[in-house]
C-alpha cells in the first residue's frame, strides 16, 4: 500500500484510477492466457476486455472489431494464441 504523501505526490485520484486499470488488465491477461482460451482459439489473435473475449480473429479483424465496438485498444489485453 502507498502512503498518503506518496498518493499526493503521484496524483491522488489519478493514481487510484491507474492502479484499478492495472488490476483489471492483469485479470484480463489471466483470462487471455488461460487453458480454455488456448483450446478454443488456437492460431488466432484474441482480445480480452473487462474479463470477456471481445473477439478472436486475425489482427486486422481484431482491431476493426475494437473500433466498431468503441473500445480503446490500449485498454485490451491482446495476444496471439499458438496452435498446439
PDB file of N, CA and C in Angstrom:
ATOM      1  N   UNK A   1       0.843  -1.176   0.000  1.00  0.00           N
ATOM      2  CA  UNK A   1       0.000   0.000   0.000  1.00  0.00           C
ATOM      3  C   UNK A   1       0.889   1.241   0.000  1.00  0.00           C
ATOM      4  N   UNK A   2       0.394   2.303  -0.582  1.00  0.00           N
ATOM      5  CA  UNK A   2       1.177   3.538  -0.640  1.00  0.00           C
ATOM      6  C   UNK A   2       0.707   4.504   0.450  1.00  0.00           C
ATOM      7  N   UNK A   3       1.604   5.368   0.880  1.00  0.00           N
ATOM      8  CA  UNK A   3       1.276   6.345   1.919  1.00  0.00           C
ATOM      9  C   UNK A   3       0.479   7.500   1.321  1.00  0.00           C
ATOM     10  N   UNK A   4      -0.151   8.267   2.190  1.00  0.00           N
ATOM     11  CA  UNK A   4      -0.914   9.446   1.741  1.00  0.00           C
ATOM     12  C   UNK A   4       0.004  10.445   1.043  1.00  0.00           C
ATOM     13  N   UNK A   5       1.228  10.604   1.571  1.00  0.00           N
ATOM     14  CA  UNK A   5       2.195  11.515   0.953  1.00  0.00           C
ATOM     15  C   UNK A   5       2.542  11.054  -0.468  1.00  0.00           C
ATOM     16  N   UNK A   6       2.777   9.752  -0.641  1.00  0.00           N
ATOM     17  CA  UNK A   6       3.071   9.232  -1.981  1.00  0.00           C
ATOM     18  C   UNK A   6       1.877   9.442  -2.908  1.00  0.00           C
ATOM     19  N   UNK A   7       0.685   9.212  -2.403  1.00  0.00           N
ATOM     20  CA  UNK A   7      -0.531   9.387  -3.198  1.00  0.00           C
ATOM     21  C   UNK A   7      -0.649  10.826  -3.689  1.00  0.00           C
ATOM     22  N   UNK A   8      -0.414  11.784  -2.795  1.00  0.00           N
ATOM     23  CA  UNK A   8      -0.499  13.192  -3.180  1.00  0.00           C
ATOM     24  C   UNK A   8       0.564  13.536  -4.214  1.00  0.00           C
ATOM     25  N   UNK A   9       1.782  13.037  -4.009  1.00  0.00           N
ATOM     26  CA  UNK A   9       2.871  13.316  -4.955  1.00  0.00           C
ATOM     27  C   UNK A   9       2.577  12.737  -6.327  1.00  0.00           C
ATOM     28  N   UNK A  10       1.914  11.576  -6.364  1.00  0.00           N
ATOM     29  CA  UNK A  10       1.688  10.888  -7.631  1.00  0.00           C
ATOM     30  C   UNK A  10       0.349  11.206  -8.283  1.00  0.00           C
ATOM     31  N   UNK A  11      -0.447  12.058  -7.680  1.00  0.00           N
ATOM     32  CA  UNK A  11      -1.654  12.488  -8.356  1.00  0.00           C
ATOM     33  C   UNK A  11      -2.957  12.054  -7.722  1.00  0.00           C
ATOM     34  N   UNK A  12      -2.945  11.500  -6.534  1.00  0.00           N
ATOM     35  CA  UNK A  12      -4.177  11.194  -5.822  1.00  0.00           C
ATOM     36  C   UNK A  12      -5.139  10.306  -6.583  1.00  0.00           C
ATOM     37  N   UNK A  13      -6.267  10.842  -7.001  1.00  0.00           N
ATOM     38  CA  UNK A  13      -7.297  10.056  -7.681  1.00  0.00           C
ATOM     39  C   UNK A  13      -6.809   9.468  -8.996  1.00  0.00           C
ATOM     40  N   UNK A  14      -5.950  10.200  -9.695  1.00  0.00           N
ATOM     41  CA  UNK A  14      -5.399   9.669 -10.931  1.00  0.00           C
ATOM     42  C   UNK A  14      -4.656   8.369 -10.659  1.00  0.00           C
ATOM     43  N   UNK A  15      -3.887   8.350  -9.581  1.00  0.00           N
ATOM     44  CA  UNK A  15      -3.143   7.150  -9.219  1.00  0.00           C
ATOM     45  C   UNK A  15      -4.099   6.001  -8.915  1.00  0.00           C
ATOM     46  N   UNK A  16      -5.159   6.264  -8.181  1.00  0.00           N
ATOM     47  CA  UNK A  16      -6.130   5.221  -7.859  1.00  0.00           C
ATOM     48  C   UNK A  16      -6.741   4.633  -9.130  1.00  0.00           C
ATOM     49  N   UNK A  17      -7.070   5.492 -10.079  1.00  0.00           N
ATOM     50  CA  UNK A  17      -7.632   5.019 -11.354  1.00  0.00           C
ATOM     51  C   UNK A  17      -6.598   4.188 -12.114  1.00  0.00           C
ATOM     52  N   UNK A  18      -5.342   4.626 -12.091  1.00  0.00           N
ATOM     53  CA  UNK A  18      -4.286   3.886 -12.785  1.00  0.00           C
ATOM     54  C   UNK A  18      -4.080   2.510 -12.154  1.00  0.00           C
ATOM     55  N   UNK A  19      -4.134   2.447 -10.828  1.00  0.00           N
ATOM     56  CA  UNK A  19      -3.992   1.162 -10.147  1.00  0.00           C
ATOM     57  C   UNK A  19      -5.166   0.238 -10.470  1.00  0.00           C
ATOM     58  N   UNK A  20      -6.369   0.787 -10.532  1.00  0.00           N
ATOM     59  CA  UNK A  20      -7.543  -0.015 -10.884  1.00  0.00           C
ATOM     60  C   UNK A  20      -7.421  -0.535 -12.311  1.00  0.00           C
ATOM     61  N   UNK A  21      -6.952   0.302 -13.231  1.00  0.00           N
ATOM     62  CA  UNK A  21      -6.739  -0.128 -14.618  1.00  0.00           C
ATOM     63  C   UNK A  21      -5.707  -1.245 -14.686  1.00  0.00           C
ATOM     64  N   UNK A  22      -4.659  -1.129 -13.890  1.00  0.00           N
ATOM     65  CA  UNK A  22      -3.612  -2.155 -13.877  1.00  0.00           C
ATOM     66  C   UNK A  22      -4.163  -3.484 -13.380  1.00  0.00           C
ATOM     67  N   UNK A  23      -4.956  -3.447 -12.315  1.00  0.00           N
ATOM     68  CA  UNK A  23      -5.553  -4.680 -11.788  1.00  0.00           C
ATOM     69  C   UNK A  23      -6.478  -5.328 -12.822  1.00  0.00           C
ATOM     70  N   UNK A  24      -7.290  -4.503 -13.484  1.00  0.00           N
ATOM     71  CA  UNK A  24      -8.215  -5.025 -14.498  1.00  0.00           C
ATOM     72  C   UNK A  24      -7.446  -5.652 -15.649  1.00  0.00           C
ATOM     73  N   UNK A  25      -6.358  -4.991 -16.079  1.00  0.00           N
ATOM     74  CA  UNK A  25      -5.549  -5.525 -17.169  1.00  0.00           C
ATOM     75  C   UNK A  25      -4.910  -6.858 -16.769  1.00  0.00           C
ATOM     76  N   UNK A  26      -4.471  -6.961 -15.526  1.00  0.00           N
ATOM     77  CA  UNK A  26      -3.904  -8.227 -15.040  1.00  0.00           C
ATOM     78  C   UNK A  26      -4.956  -9.330 -15.077  1.00  0.00           C
ATOM     79  N   UNK A  27      -6.174  -9.015 -14.669  1.00  0.00           N
ATOM     80  CA  UNK A  27      -7.257 -10.003 -14.711  1.00  0.00           C
ATOM     81  C   UNK A  27      -7.568 -10.410 -16.150  1.00  0.00           C
ATOM     82  N   UNK A  28      -7.621  -9.423 -17.049  1.00  0.00           N
ATOM     83  CA  UNK A  28      -7.877  -9.718 -18.467  1.00  0.00           C
ATOM     84  C   UNK A  28      -6.759 -10.585 -19.050  1.00  0.00           C
ATOM     85  N   UNK A  29      -5.529 -10.330 -18.635  1.00  0.00           N
ATOM     86  CA  UNK A  29      -4.399 -11.129 -19.119  1.00  0.00           C
ATOM     87  C   UNK A  29      -4.487 -12.571 -18.643  1.00  0.00           C
ATOM     88  N   UNK A  30      -4.955 -12.772 -17.417  1.00  0.00           N
ATOM     89  CA  UNK A  30      -5.143 -14.147 -16.920  1.00  0.00           C
ATOM     90  C   UNK A  30      -6.172 -14.884 -17.773  1.00  0.00           C
ATOM     91  N   UNK A  31      -7.250 -14.197 -18.126  1.00  0.00           N
ATOM     92  CA  UNK A  31      -8.266 -14.809 -19.000  1.00  0.00           C
ATOM     93  C   UNK A  31      -7.646 -15.114 -20.357  1.00  0.00           C
ATOM     94  N   UNK A  32      -6.940 -14.134 -20.921  1.00  0.00           N
ATOM     95  CA  UNK A  32      -6.341 -14.277 -22.245  1.00  0.00           C
ATOM     96  C   UNK A  32      -5.448 -15.510 -22.339  1.00  0.00           C
ATOM     97  N   UNK A  33      -4.639 -15.740 -21.330  1.00  0.00           N
ATOM     98  CA  UNK A  33      -3.675 -16.834 -21.400  1.00  0.00           C
ATOM     99  C   UNK A  33      -4.120 -18.073 -20.621  1.00  0.00           C
ATOM    100  N   UNK A  34      -5.421 -18.219 -20.466  1.00  0.00           N
ATOM    101  CA  UNK A  34      -5.964 -19.399 -19.782  1.00  0.00           C
ATOM    102  C   UNK A  34      -5.999 -20.598 -20.733  1.00  0.00           C
ATOM    103  N   UNK A  35      -6.072 -21.779 -20.153  1.00  0.00           N
ATOM    104  CA  UNK A  35      -6.148 -23.009 -20.952  1.00  0.00           C
ATOM    105  C   UNK A  35      -7.418 -23.033 -21.796  1.00  0.00           C
ATOM    106  N   UNK A  36      -8.517 -22.504 -21.265  1.00  0.00           N
ATOM    107  CA  UNK A  36      -9.783 -22.509 -22.010  1.00  0.00           C
ATOM    108  C   UNK A  36      -9.677 -21.682 -23.293  1.00  0.00           C
ATOM    109  N   UNK A  37      -9.042 -20.528 -23.211  1.00  0.00           N
ATOM    110  CA  UNK A  37      -8.877 -19.680 -24.400  1.00  0.00           C
ATOM    111  C   UNK A  37      -7.918 -20.348 -25.379  1.00  0.00           C
ATOM    112  N   UNK A  38      -6.861 -20.947 -24.880  1.00  0.00           N
ATOM    113  CA  UNK A  38      -5.902 -21.637 -25.752  1.00  0.00           C
ATOM    114  C   UNK A  38      -6.581 -22.771 -26.516  1.00  0.00           C
ATOM    115  N   UNK A  39      -7.469 -23.478 -25.860  1.00  0.00           N
ATOM    116  CA  UNK A  39      -8.163 -24.584 -26.517  1.00  0.00           C
ATOM    117  C   UNK A  39      -9.196 -24.084 -27.525  1.00  0.00           C
ATOM    118  N   UNK A  40      -9.883 -23.005 -27.199  1.00  0.00           N
ATOM    119  CA  UNK A  40     -10.970 -22.515 -28.049  1.00  0.00           C
ATOM    120  C   UNK A  40     -10.503 -21.681 -29.238  1.00  0.00           C
ATOM    121  N   UNK A  41      -9.324 -21.057 -29.137  1.00  0.00           N
ATOM    122  CA  UNK A  41      -8.898 -20.100 -30.173  1.00  0.00           C
ATOM    123  C   UNK A  41      -7.457 -20.307 -30.624  1.00  0.00           C
ATOM    124  N   UNK A  42      -7.073 -21.529 -31.028  1.00  0.00           N
ATOM    125  CA  UNK A  42      -5.693 -21.744 -31.472  1.00  0.00           C
ATOM    126  C   UNK A  42      -5.400 -20.976 -32.761  1.00  0.00           C
ATOM    127  N   UNK A  43      -4.183 -20.481 -32.862  1.00  0.00           N
ATOM    128  CA  UNK A  43      -3.698 -19.765 -34.053  1.00  0.00           C
ATOM    129  C   UNK A  43      -4.550 -18.542 -34.378  1.00  0.00           C
ATOM    130  N   UNK A  44      -5.002 -17.846 -33.340  1.00  0.00           N
ATOM    131  CA  UNK A  44      -5.779 -16.622 -33.529  1.00  0.00           C
ATOM    132  C   UNK A  44      -5.282 -15.535 -32.583  1.00  0.00           C
ATOM    133  N   UNK A  45      -5.512 -14.289 -32.981  1.00  0.00           N
ATOM    134  CA  UNK A  45      -5.320 -13.156 -32.100  1.00  0.00           C
ATOM    135  C   UNK A  45      -6.588 -13.027 -31.273  1.00  0.00           C
ATOM    136  N   UNK A  46      -6.431 -12.841 -29.974  1.00  0.00           N
ATOM    137  CA  UNK A  46      -7.574 -12.742 -29.072  1.00  0.00           C
ATOM    138  C   UNK A  46      -7.463 -11.445 -28.284  1.00  0.00           C
ATOM    139  N   UNK A  47      -8.590 -10.770 -28.129  1.00  0.00           N
ATOM    140  CA  UNK A  47      -8.653  -9.568 -27.306  1.00  0.00           C
ATOM    141  C   UNK A  47      -9.610  -9.794 -26.150  1.00  0.00           C
ATOM    142  N   UNK A  48      -9.164  -9.469 -24.937  1.00  0.00           N
ATOM    143  CA  UNK A  48      -9.997  -9.612 -23.743  1.00  0.00           C
ATOM    144  C   UNK A  48     -10.137  -8.245 -23.088  1.00  0.00           C
ATOM    145  N   UNK A  49     -11.384  -7.868 -22.808  1.00  0.00           N
ATOM    146  CA  UNK A  49     -11.673  -6.582 -22.180  1.00  0.00           C
ATOM    147  C   UNK A  49     -12.736  -6.787 -21.113  1.00  0.00           C
ATOM    148  N   UNK A  50     -12.457  -6.312 -19.913  1.00  0.00           N
ATOM    149  CA  UNK A  50     -13.381  -6.441 -18.782  1.00  0.00           C
ATOM    150  C   UNK A  50     -13.769  -7.888 -18.528  1.00  0.00           C
ATOM    151  N   UNK A  51     -12.787  -8.780 -18.688  1.00  0.00           N
ATOM    152  CA  UNK A  51     -12.996 -10.186 -18.362  1.00  0.00           C
ATOM    153  C   UNK A  51     -13.677 -11.030 -19.413  1.00  0.00           C
ATOM    154  N   UNK A  52     -13.960 -10.445 -20.558  1.00  0.00           N
ATOM    155  CA  UNK A  52     -14.610 -11.238 -21.611  1.00  0.00           C
ATOM    156  C   UNK A  52     -13.846 -11.113 -22.926  1.00  0.00           C
ATOM    157  N   UNK A  53     -13.971 -12.145 -23.742  1.00  0.00           N
ATOM    158  CA  UNK A  53     -13.334 -12.121 -25.058  1.00  0.00           C
ATOM    159  C   UNK A  53     -14.128 -11.179 -25.953  1.00  0.00           C
ATOM    160  N   UNK A  54     -13.450 -10.172 -26.467  1.00  0.00           N
ATOM    161  CA  UNK A  54     -14.082  -9.216 -27.372  1.00  0.00           C
ATOM    162  C   UNK A  54     -14.168  -9.822 -28.761  1.00  0.00           C
ATOM    163  N   UNK A  55     -13.062 -10.421 -29.190  1.00  0.00           N
ATOM    164  CA  UNK A  55     -13.020 -11.049 -30.498  1.00  0.00           C
ATOM    165  C   UNK A  55     -11.807 -11.963 -30.590  1.00  0.00           C
ATOM    166  N   UNK A  56     -11.900 -12.910 -31.497  1.00  0.00           N
ATOM    167  CA  UNK A  56     -10.779 -13.799 -31.807  1.00  0.00           C
ATOM    168  C   UNK A  56     -10.739 -13.920 -33.316  1.00  0.00           C
ATOM    169  N   UNK A  57      -9.651 -13.456 -33.911  1.00  0.00           N
ATOM    170  CA  UNK A  57      -9.555 -13.406 -35.373  1.00  0.00           C
ATOM    171  C   UNK A  57      -8.109 -13.091 -35.744  1.00  0.00           C
ATOM    172  N   UNK A  58      -7.912 -12.657 -36.995  1.00  0.00           N
ATOM    173  CA  UNK A  58      -6.579 -12.166 -37.319  1.00  0.00           C
ATOM    174  C   UNK A  58      -6.450 -10.750 -36.751  1.00  0.00           C
ATOM    175  N   UNK A  59      -5.254 -10.222 -36.718  1.00  0.00           N
ATOM    176  CA  UNK A  59      -5.009  -8.963 -36.026  1.00  0.00           C
ATOM    177  C   UNK A  59      -5.801  -7.798 -36.621  1.00  0.00           C
ATOM    178  N   UNK A  60      -5.890  -7.717 -37.942  1.00  0.00           N
ATOM    179  CA  UNK A  60      -6.649  -6.633 -38.571  1.00  0.00           C
ATOM    180  C   UNK A  60      -8.127  -6.704 -38.186  1.00  0.00           C
ATOM    181  N   UNK A  61      -8.694  -7.895 -38.193  1.00  0.00           N
ATOM    182  CA  UNK A  61     -10.105  -8.060 -37.815  1.00  0.00           C
ATOM    183  C   UNK A  61     -10.314  -7.712 -36.343  1.00  0.00           C
ATOM    184  N   UNK A  62      -9.355  -8.092 -35.507  1.00  0.00           N
ATOM    185  CA  UNK A  62      -9.458  -7.765 -34.089  1.00  0.00           C
ATOM    186  C   UNK A  62      -9.486  -6.257 -33.895  1.00  0.00           C
ATOM    187  N   UNK A  63      -8.585  -5.542 -34.552  1.00  0.00           N
ATOM    188  CA  UNK A  63      -8.533  -4.086 -34.417  1.00  0.00           C
ATOM    189  C   UNK A  63      -9.810  -3.437 -34.946  1.00  0.00           C
ATOM    190  N   UNK A  64     -10.345  -3.945 -36.051  1.00  0.00           N
ATOM    191  CA  UNK A  64     -11.603  -3.420 -36.595  1.00  0.00           C
ATOM    192  C   UNK A  64     -12.760  -3.662 -35.628  1.00  0.00           C
ATOM    193  N   UNK A  65     -12.794  -4.835 -35.012  1.00  0.00           N
ATOM    194  CA  UNK A  65     -13.858  -5.159 -34.050  1.00  0.00           C
ATOM    195  C   UNK A  65     -13.798  -4.215 -32.854  1.00  0.00           C
ATOM    196  N   UNK A  66     -12.597  -3.919 -32.381  1.00  0.00           N
ATOM    197  CA  UNK A  66     -12.463  -2.986 -31.262  1.00  0.00           C
ATOM    198  C   UNK A  66     -12.966  -1.604 -31.651  1.00  0.00           C
ATOM    199  N   UNK A  67     -12.589  -1.154 -32.830  1.00  0.00           N
ATOM    200  CA  UNK A  67     -13.029   0.152 -33.305  1.00  0.00           C
ATOM    201  C   UNK A  67     -14.550   0.190 -33.438  1.00  0.00           C
ATOM    202  N   UNK A  68     -15.132  -0.845 -34.028  1.00  0.00           N
ATOM    203  CA  UNK A  68     -16.580  -0.916 -34.214  1.00  0.00           C
ATOM    204  C   UNK A  68     -17.316  -0.860 -32.873  1.00  0.00           C
ATOM    205  N   UNK A  69     -16.736  -1.514 -31.862  1.00  0.00           N
ATOM    206  CA  UNK A  69     -17.366  -1.555 -30.544  1.00  0.00           C
ATOM    207  C   UNK A  69     -17.008  -0.347 -29.674  1.00  0.00           C
ATOM    208  N   UNK A  70     -16.157   0.535 -30.211  1.00  0.00           N
ATOM    209  CA  UNK A  70     -15.769   1.730 -29.470  1.00  0.00           C
ATOM    210  C   UNK A  70     -14.869   1.455 -28.286  1.00  0.00           C
ATOM    211  N   UNK A  71     -14.062   0.405 -28.381  1.00  0.00           N
ATOM    212  CA  UNK A  71     -13.163   0.027 -27.290  1.00  0.00           C
ATOM    213  C   UNK A  71     -11.755   0.490 -27.627  1.00  0.00           C
ATOM    214  N   UNK A  72     -11.136   1.217 -26.708  1.00  0.00           N
ATOM    215  CA  UNK A  72      -9.767   1.685 -26.882  1.00  0.00           C
ATOM    216  C   UNK A  72      -8.820   0.486 -26.849  1.00  0.00           C
ATOM    217  N   UNK A  73      -8.055   0.245 -27.916  1.00  0.00           N
ATOM    218  CA  UNK A  73      -7.143  -0.899 -27.935  1.00  0.00           C
ATOM    219  C   UNK A  73      -6.139  -0.904 -26.778  1.00  0.00           C
ATOM    220  N   UNK A  74      -5.834   0.273 -26.248  1.00  0.00           N
ATOM    221  CA  UNK A  74      -4.890   0.347 -25.129  1.00  0.00           C
ATOM    222  C   UNK A  74      -5.464  -0.260 -23.849  1.00  0.00           C
ATOM    223  N   UNK A  75      -6.785  -0.446 -23.807  1.00  0.00           N
ATOM    224  CA  UNK A  75      -7.408  -0.998 -22.602  1.00  0.00           C
ATOM    225  C   UNK A  75      -7.723  -2.490 -22.734  1.00  0.00           C
ATOM    226  N   UNK A  76      -7.193  -3.111 -23.788  1.00  0.00           N
ATOM    227  CA  UNK A  76      -7.499  -4.507 -24.080  1.00  0.00           C
ATOM    228  C   UNK A  76      -6.235  -5.374 -23.970  1.00  0.00           C
ATOM    229  N   UNK A  77      -6.367  -6.510 -23.318  1.00  0.00           N
ATOM    230  CA  UNK A  77      -5.272  -7.485 -23.305  1.00  0.00           C
ATOM    231  C   UNK A  77      -5.356  -8.251 -24.627  1.00  0.00           C
ATOM    232  N   UNK A  78      -4.317  -8.159 -25.436  1.00  0.00           N
ATOM    233  CA  UNK A  78      -4.299  -8.779 -26.762  1.00  0.00           C
ATOM    234  C   UNK A  78      -3.109  -9.724 -26.845  1.00  0.00           C
ATOM    235  N   UNK A  79      -3.351 -10.883 -27.416  1.00  0.00           N
ATOM    236  CA  UNK A  79      -2.258 -11.832 -27.591  1.00  0.00           C
ATOM    237  C   UNK A  79      -2.559 -12.833 -28.675  1.00  0.00           C
ATOM    238  N   UNK A  80      -1.497 -13.393 -29.243  1.00  0.00           N
ATOM    239  CA  UNK A  80      -1.646 -14.442 -30.242  1.00  0.00           C
ATOM    240  C   UNK A  80      -1.591 -15.777 -29.509  1.00  0.00           C
ATOM    241  N   UNK A  81      -2.586 -16.614 -29.761  1.00  0.00           N
ATOM    242  CA  UNK A  81      -2.669 -17.925 -29.117  1.00  0.00           C
ATOM    243  C   UNK A  81      -2.070 -18.952 -30.077  1.00  0.00           C
ATOM    244  N   UNK A  82      -0.964 -19.524 -29.679  1.00  0.00           N
ATOM    245  CA  UNK A  82      -0.277 -20.515 -30.516  1.00  0.00           C
ATOM    246  C   UNK A  82      -1.120 -21.786 -30.658  1.00  0.00           C
ATOM    247  N   UNK A  83      -1.065 -22.382 -31.828  1.00  0.00           N
ATOM    248  CA  UNK A  83      -1.707 -23.684 -32.033  1.00  0.00           C
ATOM    249  C   UNK A  83      -0.882 -24.741 -31.315  1.00  0.00           C
ATOM    250  N   UNK A  84      -1.535 -25.699 -30.723  1.00  0.00           N
ATOM    251  CA  UNK A  84      -0.789 -26.751 -30.001  1.00  0.00           C
ATOM    252  C   UNK A  84      -0.583 -27.944 -30.870  1.00  0.00           C
TER     253      UNK A  84
END
